[in-house]
Amino acid sequence: MGKIQKVYTREFKEEAVRLVQTYGKSIAQIARGYCQLVRRSGGNC
């Protein structure tokens, strides 16, 4: 069976780019921070 590909909204992508540009961090660093926030609120990522 094939791997399920996640689909992100245009708004989500634009916000990710804005965060990278604003804070000068890598995409991976921004993603890790996002995952930590999601987990703290009881979600999965």
Protein backbone atom coordinates (compact mmCIF):
# COMPACT_ATOMS: atom_id res chain seq x y z
CA MET A 1 0.00 0.00 0.00
CA GLY A 2 1.26 3.52 -0.82
CA LYS A 3 2.29 6.21 1.59
CA ILE A 4 -0.34 8.83 2.41
CA GLN A 5 0.80 12.31 1.44
CA LYS A 6 -0.18 15.19 3.70
CA VAL A 7 -1.89 18.15 2.06
CA TYR A 8 -1.30 21.62 3.48
CA THR A 9 -3.38 24.71 2.77
CA ARG A 10 -1.93 27.72 1.01
CA GLU A 11 -2.34 29.72 4.21
CA PHE A 12 -0.36 27.16 6.21
CA LYS A 13 2.48 27.24 3.67
CA GLU A 14 2.54 31.05 3.58
CA GLU A 15 2.68 31.20 7.38
CA ALA A 16 5.54 28.69 7.43
CA VAL A 17 7.52 30.82 4.96
CA ARG A 18 6.80 33.94 7.01
CA LEU A 19 8.07 32.27 10.18
CA VAL A 20 11.28 31.13 8.45
CA GLN A 21 11.91 34.62 7.09
CA THR A 22 11.01 36.41 10.32
CA TYR A 23 12.99 34.28 12.76
CA GLY A 24 15.83 33.18 10.49
CA LYS A 25 15.41 29.54 11.48
CA SER A 26 15.37 26.53 9.19
CA ILE A 27 12.17 24.87 8.06
CA ALA A 28 13.07 21.86 10.23
CA GLN A 29 13.41 24.06 13.33
CA ILE A 30 10.04 25.71 12.67
CA ALA A 31 8.44 22.28 12.14
CA ARG A 32 9.85 20.94 15.42
CA GLY A 33 8.50 23.95 17.28
CA TYR A 34 5.10 23.48 15.65
CA CYS A 35 5.01 19.81 16.64
CA GLN A 36 5.85 20.66 20.24
CA LEU A 37 2.91 23.08 20.38
CA VAL A 38 0.55 20.53 18.88
CA ARG A 39 1.63 17.83 21.34
CA ARG A 40 1.20 20.17 24.32
CA SER A 41 -2.38 20.78 23.24
CA GLY A 42 -3.03 17.03 23.10
CA GLY A 43 -2.66 16.51 19.35
CA ASN A 44 -0.45 14.33 17.18
CA CYS A 45 2.04 15.36 14.55
